[in-house]
Amino acid sequence: MAIIIGTAFFLSVAYFSYTFGQCVATFSRLDKLINKKIFGVAFLAFYINYVYTNQAMIVDVFMTALT
């Protein structure tokens, strides 16, 4: 059950990260120079890198919250 909840949370935050990157590109008006999907992918890559580097701490916090 914890894997399902963790995966759903990871995917929902990943989608938010992608969308937030596109919003940053639009509000900063950088989408005139670079496609805003590139910003979305860059923010998504940053999020995945953050989760990967802090994986042990995230799993520990997630598991203690369930018990």
PDB file of N, CA and C in Angstrom:
ATOM      1  N   MET A   1       0.823  -1.199   0.000  1.00  0.00           N
ATOM      2  CA  MET A   1       0.000   0.000   0.000  1.00  0.00           C
ATOM      3  C   MET A   1       0.865   1.260   0.000  1.00  0.00           C
ATOM      4  N   ALA A   2       1.984   1.209   0.741  1.00  0.00           N
ATOM      5  CA  ALA A   2       2.861   2.380   0.819  1.00  0.00           C
ATOM      6  C   ALA A   2       3.496   2.686  -0.537  1.00  0.00           C
ATOM      7  N   ILE A   3       3.763   1.639  -1.322  1.00  0.00           N
ATOM      8  CA  ILE A   3       4.362   1.856  -2.644  1.00  0.00           C
ATOM      9  C   ILE A   3       3.378   2.566  -3.566  1.00  0.00           C
ATOM     10  N   ILE A   4       2.121   2.205  -3.480  1.00  0.00           N
ATOM     11  CA  ILE A   4       1.101   2.839  -4.319  1.00  0.00           C
ATOM     12  C   ILE A   4       0.942   4.311  -3.946  1.00  0.00           C
ATOM     13  N   ILE A   5       0.879   4.586  -2.652  1.00  0.00           N
ATOM     14  CA  ILE A   5       0.739   5.977  -2.196  1.00  0.00           C
ATOM     15  C   ILE A   5       1.974   6.788  -2.563  1.00  0.00           C
ATOM     16  N   GLY A   6       3.162   6.215  -2.359  1.00  0.00           N
ATOM     17  CA  GLY A   6       4.403   6.903  -2.693  1.00  0.00           C
ATOM     18  C   GLY A   6       4.525   7.185  -4.178  1.00  0.00           C
ATOM     19  N   THR A   7       4.145   6.224  -5.006  1.00  0.00           N
ATOM     20  CA  THR A   7       4.210   6.410  -6.455  1.00  0.00           C
ATOM     21  C   THR A   7       3.217   7.473  -6.916  1.00  0.00           C
ATOM     22  N   ALA A   8       2.016   7.446  -6.377  1.00  0.00           N
ATOM     23  CA  ALA A   8       1.022   8.458  -6.745  1.00  0.00           C
ATOM     24  C   ALA A   8       1.491   9.852  -6.338  1.00  0.00           C
ATOM     25  N   PHE A   9       2.072   9.963  -5.159  1.00  0.00           N
ATOM     26  CA  PHE A   9       2.577  11.251  -4.697  1.00  0.00           C
ATOM     27  C   PHE A   9       3.741  11.725  -5.572  1.00  0.00           C
ATOM     28  N   PHE A  10       4.659  10.820  -5.893  1.00  0.00           N
ATOM     29  CA  PHE A  10       5.804  11.173  -6.738  1.00  0.00           C
ATOM     30  C   PHE A  10       5.343  11.661  -8.108  1.00  0.00           C
ATOM     31  N   LEU A  11       4.415  10.951  -8.713  1.00  0.00           N
ATOM     32  CA  LEU A  11       3.941  11.337 -10.047  1.00  0.00           C
ATOM     33  C   LEU A  11       3.164  12.648 -10.026  1.00  0.00           C
ATOM     34  N   SER A  12       2.376  12.869  -8.985  1.00  0.00           N
ATOM     35  CA  SER A  12       1.609  14.116  -8.927  1.00  0.00           C
ATOM     36  C   SER A  12       2.532  15.315  -8.712  1.00  0.00           C
ATOM     37  N   VAL A  13       3.545  15.170  -7.865  1.00  0.00           N
ATOM     38  CA  VAL A  13       4.487  16.272  -7.660  1.00  0.00           C
ATOM     39  C   VAL A  13       5.355  16.466  -8.899  1.00  0.00           C
ATOM     40  N   ALA A  14       5.683  15.386  -9.604  1.00  0.00           N
ATOM     41  CA  ALA A  14       6.454  15.506 -10.839  1.00  0.00           C
ATOM     42  C   ALA A  14       5.663  16.289 -11.891  1.00  0.00           C
ATOM     43  N   TYR A  15       4.376  16.007 -12.005  1.00  0.00           N
ATOM     44  CA  TYR A  15       3.544  16.755 -12.957  1.00  0.00           C
ATOM     45  C   TYR A  15       3.440  18.228 -12.544  1.00  0.00           C
ATOM     46  N   PHE A  16       3.314  18.476 -11.244  1.00  0.00           N
ATOM     47  CA  PHE A  16       3.288  19.851 -10.762  1.00  0.00           C
ATOM     48  C   PHE A  16       4.594  20.564 -11.085  1.00  0.00           C
ATOM     49  N   SER A  17       5.704  19.878 -10.919  1.00  0.00           N
ATOM     50  CA  SER A  17       7.011  20.464 -11.221  1.00  0.00           C
ATOM     51  C   SER A  17       7.109  20.834 -12.700  1.00  0.00           C
ATOM     52  N   TYR A  18       6.648  19.947 -13.565  1.00  0.00           N
ATOM     53  CA  TYR A  18       6.662  20.207 -15.006  1.00  0.00           C
ATOM     54  C   TYR A  18       5.785  21.426 -15.346  1.00  0.00           C
ATOM     55  N   THR A  19       4.602  21.473 -14.781  1.00  0.00           N
ATOM     56  CA  THR A  19       3.685  22.581 -15.046  1.00  0.00           C
ATOM     57  C   THR A  19       4.203  23.888 -14.457  1.00  0.00           C
ATOM     58  N   PHE A  20       4.789  23.816 -13.265  1.00  0.00           N
ATOM     59  CA  PHE A  20       5.345  25.009 -12.635  1.00  0.00           C
ATOM     60  C   PHE A  20       6.496  25.573 -13.465  1.00  0.00           C
ATOM     61  N   GLY A  21       7.299  24.721 -14.051  1.00  0.00           N
ATOM     62  CA  GLY A  21       8.377  25.177 -14.931  1.00  0.00           C
ATOM     63  C   GLY A  21       7.837  25.930 -16.132  1.00  0.00           C
ATOM     64  N   GLN A  22       6.742  25.461 -16.674  1.00  0.00           N
ATOM     65  CA  GLN A  22       6.128  26.165 -17.800  1.00  0.00           C
ATOM     66  C   GLN A  22       5.563  27.508 -17.360  1.00  0.00           C
ATOM     67  N   CYS A  23       5.008  27.573 -16.163  1.00  0.00           N
ATOM     68  CA  CYS A  23       4.480  28.843 -15.645  1.00  0.00           C
ATOM     69  C   CYS A  23       5.614  29.841 -15.417  1.00  0.00           C
ATOM     70  N   VAL A  24       6.730  29.370 -14.896  1.00  0.00           N
ATOM     71  CA  VAL A  24       7.880  30.259 -14.693  1.00  0.00           C
ATOM     72  C   VAL A  24       8.344  30.818 -16.026  1.00  0.00           C
ATOM     73  N   ALA A  25       8.384  29.986 -17.051  1.00  0.00           N
ATOM     74  CA  ALA A  25       8.800  30.445 -18.374  1.00  0.00           C
ATOM     75  C   ALA A  25       7.837  31.499 -18.917  1.00  0.00           C
ATOM     76  N   THR A  26       6.558  31.304 -18.689  1.00  0.00           N
ATOM     77  CA  THR A  26       5.567  32.251 -19.201  1.00  0.00           C
ATOM     78  C   THR A  26       5.609  33.575 -18.443  1.00  0.00           C
ATOM     79  N   PHE A  27       5.656  33.499 -17.108  1.00  0.00           N
ATOM     80  CA  PHE A  27       5.640  34.729 -16.318  1.00  0.00           C
ATOM     81  C   PHE A  27       6.927  35.519 -16.432  1.00  0.00           C
ATOM     82  N   SER A  28       8.042  34.846 -16.659  1.00  0.00           N
ATOM     83  CA  SER A  28       9.302  35.560 -16.830  1.00  0.00           C
ATOM     84  C   SER A  28       9.510  36.006 -18.277  1.00  0.00           C
ATOM     85  N   ARG A  29       8.598  35.648 -19.127  1.00  0.00           N
ATOM     86  CA  ARG A  29       8.602  35.995 -20.541  1.00  0.00           C
ATOM     87  C   ARG A  29       9.800  35.406 -21.281  1.00  0.00           C
ATOM     88  N   LEU A  30      10.382  34.361 -20.722  1.00  0.00           N
ATOM     89  CA  LEU A  30      11.469  33.667 -21.393  1.00  0.00           C
ATOM     90  C   LEU A  30      10.963  32.700 -22.451  1.00  0.00           C
ATOM     91  N   ASP A  31       9.638  32.481 -22.469  1.00  0.00           N
ATOM     92  CA  ASP A  31       9.096  31.600 -23.492  1.00  0.00           C
ATOM     93  C   ASP A  31       9.155  32.222 -24.883  1.00  0.00           C
ATOM     94  N   LYS A  32       9.480  33.510 -24.943  1.00  0.00           N
ATOM     95  CA  LYS A  32       9.686  34.157 -26.244  1.00  0.00           C
ATOM     96  C   LYS A  32      10.995  33.681 -26.875  1.00  0.00           C
ATOM     97  N   LEU A  33      11.972  33.315 -26.016  1.00  0.00           N
ATOM     98  CA  LEU A  33      13.288  32.885 -26.505  1.00  0.00           C
ATOM     99  C   LEU A  33      13.410  31.364 -26.579  1.00  0.00           C
ATOM    100  N   ILE A  34      12.906  30.696 -25.538  1.00  0.00           N
ATOM    101  CA  ILE A  34      13.027  29.241 -25.433  1.00  0.00           C
ATOM    102  C   ILE A  34      11.634  28.659 -25.233  1.00  0.00           C
ATOM    103  N   ASN A  35      11.399  27.525 -25.843  1.00  0.00           N
ATOM    104  CA  ASN A  35      10.101  26.862 -25.708  1.00  0.00           C
ATOM    105  C   ASN A  35       9.831  26.545 -24.237  1.00  0.00           C
ATOM    106  N   LYS A  36       8.598  26.778 -23.799  1.00  0.00           N
ATOM    107  CA  LYS A  36       8.302  26.583 -22.383  1.00  0.00           C
ATOM    108  C   LYS A  36       8.307  25.120 -21.975  1.00  0.00           C
ATOM    109  N   LYS A  37       8.186  24.200 -22.919  1.00  0.00           N
ATOM    110  CA  LYS A  37       8.282  22.786 -22.580  1.00  0.00           C
ATOM    111  C   LYS A  37       9.693  22.426 -22.128  1.00  0.00           C
ATOM    112  N   ILE A  38      10.678  23.139 -22.636  1.00  0.00           N
ATOM    113  CA  ILE A  38      12.063  22.920 -22.199  1.00  0.00           C
ATOM    114  C   ILE A  38      12.203  23.305 -20.736  1.00  0.00           C
ATOM    115  N   PHE A  39      11.570  24.389 -20.328  1.00  0.00           N
ATOM    116  CA  PHE A  39      11.589  24.777 -18.918  1.00  0.00           C
ATOM    117  C   PHE A  39      10.887  23.727 -18.060  1.00  0.00           C
ATOM    118  N   GLY A  40       9.784  23.201 -18.550  1.00  0.00           N
ATOM    119  CA  GLY A  40       9.083  22.155 -17.817  1.00  0.00           C
ATOM    120  C   GLY A  40       9.944  20.921 -17.622  1.00  0.00           C
ATOM    121  N   VAL A  41      10.643  20.524 -18.668  1.00  0.00           N
ATOM    122  CA  VAL A  41      11.520  19.356 -18.571  1.00  0.00           C
ATOM    123  C   VAL A  41      12.699  19.654 -17.646  1.00  0.00           C
ATOM    124  N   ALA A  42      13.215  20.876 -17.669  1.00  0.00           N
ATOM    125  CA  ALA A  42      14.328  21.237 -16.787  1.00  0.00           C
ATOM    126  C   ALA A  42      13.891  21.190 -15.323  1.00  0.00           C
ATOM    127  N   PHE A  43      12.719  21.716 -15.015  1.00  0.00           N
ATOM    128  CA  PHE A  43      12.216  21.658 -13.639  1.00  0.00           C
ATOM    129  C   PHE A  43      11.946  20.209 -13.231  1.00  0.00           C
ATOM    130  N   LEU A  44      11.436  19.408 -14.159  1.00  0.00           N
ATOM    131  CA  LEU A  44      11.197  17.998 -13.874  1.00  0.00           C
ATOM    132  C   LEU A  44      12.509  17.273 -13.597  1.00  0.00           C
ATOM    133  N   ALA A  45      13.542  17.564 -14.380  1.00  0.00           N
ATOM    134  CA  ALA A  45      14.853  16.949 -14.161  1.00  0.00           C
ATOM    135  C   ALA A  45      15.425  17.364 -12.811  1.00  0.00           C
ATOM    136  N   PHE A  46      15.222  18.632 -12.435  1.00  0.00           N
ATOM    137  CA  PHE A  46      15.688  19.098 -11.128  1.00  0.00           C
ATOM    138  C   PHE A  46      14.967  18.351 -10.007  1.00  0.00           C
ATOM    139  N   TYR A  47      13.668  18.158 -10.146  1.00  0.00           N
ATOM    140  CA  TYR A  47      12.890  17.447  -9.129  1.00  0.00           C
ATOM    141  C   TYR A  47      13.339  15.995  -9.006  1.00  0.00           C
ATOM    142  N   ILE A  48      13.527  15.319 -10.129  1.00  0.00           N
ATOM    143  CA  ILE A  48      13.964  13.923 -10.092  1.00  0.00           C
ATOM    144  C   ILE A  48      15.358  13.824  -9.487  1.00  0.00           C
ATOM    145  N   ASN A  49      16.241  14.760  -9.814  1.00  0.00           N
ATOM    146  CA  ASN A  49      17.579  14.773  -9.218  1.00  0.00           C
ATOM    147  C   ASN A  49      17.493  14.987  -7.704  1.00  0.00           C
ATOM    148  N   TYR A  50      16.629  15.880  -7.273  1.00  0.00           N
ATOM    149  CA  TYR A  50      16.453  16.143  -5.839  1.00  0.00           C
ATOM    150  C   TYR A  50      15.949  14.905  -5.114  1.00  0.00           C
ATOM    151  N   VAL A  51      14.973  14.228  -5.686  1.00  0.00           N
ATOM    152  CA  VAL A  51      14.427  13.026  -5.061  1.00  0.00           C
ATOM    153  C   VAL A  51      15.480  11.915  -5.044  1.00  0.00           C
ATOM    154  N   TYR A  52      16.234  11.787  -6.114  1.00  0.00           N
ATOM    155  CA  TYR A  52      17.250  10.730  -6.183  1.00  0.00           C
ATOM    156  C   TYR A  52      18.368  10.959  -5.169  1.00  0.00           C
ATOM    157  N   THR A  53      18.815  12.193  -5.011  1.00  0.00           N
ATOM    158  CA  THR A  53      19.911  12.460  -4.086  1.00  0.00           C
ATOM    159  C   THR A  53      19.473  12.372  -2.628  1.00  0.00           C
ATOM    160  N   ASN A  54      18.213  12.607  -2.340  1.00  0.00           N
ATOM    161  CA  ASN A  54      17.705  12.548  -0.969  1.00  0.00           C
ATOM    162  C   ASN A  54      16.791  11.351  -0.750  1.00  0.00           C
ATOM    163  N   GLN A  55      17.004  10.302  -1.510  1.00  0.00           N
ATOM    164  CA  GLN A  55      16.107   9.153  -1.508  1.00  0.00           C
ATOM    165  C   GLN A  55      16.011   8.488  -0.137  1.00  0.00           C
ATOM    166  N   ALA A  56      17.118   8.272   0.539  1.00  0.00           N
ATOM    167  CA  ALA A  56      17.102   7.577   1.829  1.00  0.00           C
ATOM    168  C   ALA A  56      16.320   8.380   2.866  1.00  0.00           C
ATOM    169  N   MET A  57      16.533   9.690   2.902  1.00  0.00           N
ATOM    170  CA  MET A  57      15.832  10.526   3.866  1.00  0.00           C
ATOM    171  C   MET A  57      14.334  10.575   3.571  1.00  0.00           C
ATOM    172  N   ILE A  58      13.968  10.653   2.312  1.00  0.00           N
ATOM    173  CA  ILE A  58      12.556  10.705   1.934  1.00  0.00           C
ATOM    174  C   ILE A  58      11.845   9.409   2.319  1.00  0.00           C
ATOM    175  N   VAL A  59      12.481   8.271   2.081  1.00  0.00           N
ATOM    176  CA  VAL A  59      11.879   6.983   2.435  1.00  0.00           C
ATOM    177  C   VAL A  59      11.733   6.867   3.941  1.00  0.00           C
ATOM    178  N   ASP A  60      12.746   7.299   4.701  1.00  0.00           N
ATOM    179  CA  ASP A  60      12.657   7.234   6.171  1.00  0.00           C
ATOM    180  C   ASP A  60      11.502   8.081   6.698  1.00  0.00           C
ATOM    181  N   VAL A  61      11.372   9.276   6.182  1.00  0.00           N
ATOM    182  CA  VAL A  61      10.286  10.158   6.636  1.00  0.00           C
ATOM    183  C   VAL A  61       8.927   9.592   6.234  1.00  0.00           C
ATOM    184  N   PHE A  62       8.837   9.066   5.033  1.00  0.00           N
ATOM    185  CA  PHE A  62       7.576   8.514   4.557  1.00  0.00           C
ATOM    186  C   PHE A  62       7.159   7.301   5.380  1.00  0.00           C
ATOM    187  N   MET A  63       8.104   6.426   5.722  1.00  0.00           N
ATOM    188  CA  MET A  63       7.772   5.222   6.468  1.00  0.00           C
ATOM    189  C   MET A  63       7.441   5.518   7.922  1.00  0.00           C
ATOM    190  N   THR A  64       8.084   6.520   8.527  1.00  0.00           N
ATOM    191  CA  THR A  64       7.757   6.833   9.918  1.00  0.00           C
ATOM    192  C   THR A  64       6.376   7.479  10.023  1.00  0.00           C
ATOM    193  N   ALA A  65       5.955   8.161   8.987  1.00  0.00           N
ATOM    194  CA  ALA A  65       4.635   8.783   9.014  1.00  0.00           C
ATOM    195  C   ALA A  65       3.528   7.736   8.938  1.00  0.00           C
ATOM    196  N   LEU A  66       3.807   6.600   8.341  1.00  0.00           N
ATOM    197  CA  LEU A  66       2.782   5.559   8.195  1.00  0.00           C
ATOM    198  C   LEU A  66       2.657   4.674   9.427  1.00  0.00           C
ATOM    199  N   THR A  67       3.673   4.646  10.270  1.00  0.00           N
ATOM    200  CA  THR A  67       3.600   3.748  11.439  1.00  0.00           C
ATOM    201  C   THR A  67       3.153   4.481  12.671  1.00  0.00           C
TER     202      THR A  67
END
